[in-house]
Structure formats: structure tokens, C-alpha cells
Amino acid sequence: MNHEAIYAIYPQVVTIDDTAGVFDANGNKVTIDLAAVNAWVDPNAYKYKREREYPPLTDLADALYHQSKGDETKLTAYLAKCEAVKQKYPKE
């Protein structure tokens, strides 16, 4: 069961047990539409994907150091890598 989807679609749900079911604050069973749960897309999924592929911040620190010495090359390359990740995983 996609717990995150259930909590997003059914705000009254406070407990999810993969075996027993889905329940509200009073312990009442909540009937869910499994098709809707399975179709739900996490609106923040792009953030997690970007996070895994962004270049490390140590590369940014190095690029900023070189920029302070008049060399923009590394900073330009770093920003290009970030932009490529943003294009690969756009906000949905």
C-alpha cells in the first residue's frame, strides 16, 4: 500500500495497517479507492530525483574559489550540470 498517497488523498486517515486496513482517528475503517491511490503521483518526486543527481556542493565550493581568482570555467560547468538535472526532472 502506498501510505503517502493514502494520507494525501484521505486526510482523515491517521492509521494504516497493511493487513488490517486504513482507519480514522476514531478507529473507524476508511474505504479507499485503490485505483486512485495507485494513480497518485507525488508532487515532490522531482525534488528527490534532482537531489540524487545534482553535483556535490564541494564542486560548487571549488568553483567559487576559482571564480574568486578570476576563472569562471568551473562555475559555468557546475551551473550547466545543475540546469541539466532541472531539465531532466522538471517541476510537475
Protein backbone atom coordinates (compact mmCIF):
# COMPACT_ATOMS: atom_id res chain seq x y z
CA MET A 1 0.00 0.00 0.00
CA ASN A 2 1.24 3.47 -0.85
CA HIS A 3 0.91 5.13 2.56
CA GLU A 4 1.97 8.56 1.34
CA ALA A 5 -0.74 8.52 -1.33
CA ILE A 6 -3.40 7.40 1.14
CA TYR A 7 -2.52 10.19 3.59
CA ALA A 8 -2.53 12.73 0.73
CA ILE A 9 -5.89 11.63 -0.70
CA TYR A 10 -7.65 10.85 2.58
CA PRO A 11 -6.74 13.50 5.17
CA GLN A 12 -8.97 11.87 7.81
CA VAL A 13 -6.74 8.78 7.87
CA VAL A 14 -4.46 8.52 10.90
CA THR A 15 -3.52 4.82 10.87
CA ILE A 16 -2.59 2.46 8.06
CA ASP A 17 -2.01 -1.22 8.66
CA ASP A 18 -1.14 -3.15 5.51
CA THR A 19 -3.00 -6.17 6.86
CA ALA A 20 -5.90 -4.71 8.89
CA GLY A 21 -6.71 -1.69 6.73
CA VAL A 22 -6.99 2.08 6.92
CA PHE A 23 -8.51 3.89 9.92
CA ASP A 24 -9.55 7.37 11.03
CA ALA A 25 -8.93 8.98 14.45
CA ASN A 26 -11.95 7.18 15.97
CA GLY A 27 -10.73 3.78 14.81
CA ASN A 28 -13.34 3.57 12.07
CA LYS A 29 -12.27 1.77 8.93
CA VAL A 30 -11.91 4.08 5.91
CA THR A 31 -12.72 2.68 2.50
CA ILE A 32 -10.14 3.71 -0.07
CA ASP A 33 -10.18 3.73 -3.85
CA LEU A 34 -7.15 1.62 -4.65
CA ALA A 35 -7.11 2.81 -8.26
CA ALA A 36 -6.87 6.42 -7.08
CA VAL A 37 -4.14 5.50 -4.61
CA ASN A 38 -2.15 3.70 -7.32
CA ALA A 39 -2.63 6.59 -9.77
CA TRP A 40 -1.46 9.24 -7.28
CA VAL A 41 1.76 10.98 -8.26
CA ASP A 42 3.89 12.55 -5.54
CA PRO A 43 4.07 16.27 -6.37
CA ASN A 44 7.53 16.38 -4.77
CA ALA A 45 9.02 13.41 -6.64
CA TYR A 46 11.07 15.69 -8.89
CA LYS A 47 12.85 17.08 -5.80
CA TYR A 48 14.05 13.65 -4.69
CA LYS A 49 15.23 12.77 -8.19
CA ARG A 50 17.09 16.05 -8.55
CA GLU A 51 18.71 15.66 -5.15
CA ARG A 52 20.31 12.35 -6.18
CA GLU A 53 21.76 13.78 -9.40
CA TYR A 54 22.91 17.28 -8.51
CA PRO A 55 26.69 17.66 -8.46
CA PRO A 56 28.21 17.72 -4.97
CA LEU A 57 28.45 21.02 -3.08
CA THR A 58 32.19 20.50 -2.81
CA ASP A 59 32.33 21.06 -6.57
CA LEU A 60 30.46 24.34 -6.06
CA ALA A 61 32.90 25.42 -3.33
CA ASP A 62 35.82 24.67 -5.64
CA ALA A 63 34.16 26.56 -8.50
CA LEU A 64 33.53 29.58 -6.29
CA TYR A 65 37.15 29.56 -5.16
CA HIS A 66 38.34 29.55 -8.77
CA GLN A 67 35.82 32.27 -9.63
CA SER A 68 37.32 34.46 -6.90
CA LYS A 69 40.64 34.04 -8.72
CA GLY A 70 39.08 35.18 -12.00
CA ASP A 71 38.34 31.77 -13.54
CA GLU A 72 34.63 31.34 -14.36
CA THR A 73 35.08 27.99 -16.15
CA LYS A 74 34.31 25.67 -13.24
CA LEU A 75 31.33 27.70 -12.05
CA THR A 76 29.87 27.77 -15.55
CA ALA A 77 30.29 23.98 -15.80
CA TYR A 78 28.74 23.43 -12.36
CA LEU A 79 25.72 25.56 -13.19
CA ALA A 80 25.32 23.75 -16.53
CA LYS A 81 25.21 20.41 -14.68
CA CYS A 82 22.55 21.76 -12.32
CA GLU A 83 20.50 23.08 -15.23
CA ALA A 84 20.71 19.69 -17.00
CA VAL A 85 19.31 17.99 -13.88
CA LYS A 86 16.49 20.56 -13.70
CA GLN A 87 15.64 19.90 -17.35
CA LYS A 88 15.71 16.15 -16.80
CA TYR A 89 13.35 16.38 -13.81
CA PRO A 90 11.08 19.42 -14.30
CA LYS A 91 8.56 20.60 -11.73
CA GLU A 92 5.31 18.83 -12.44
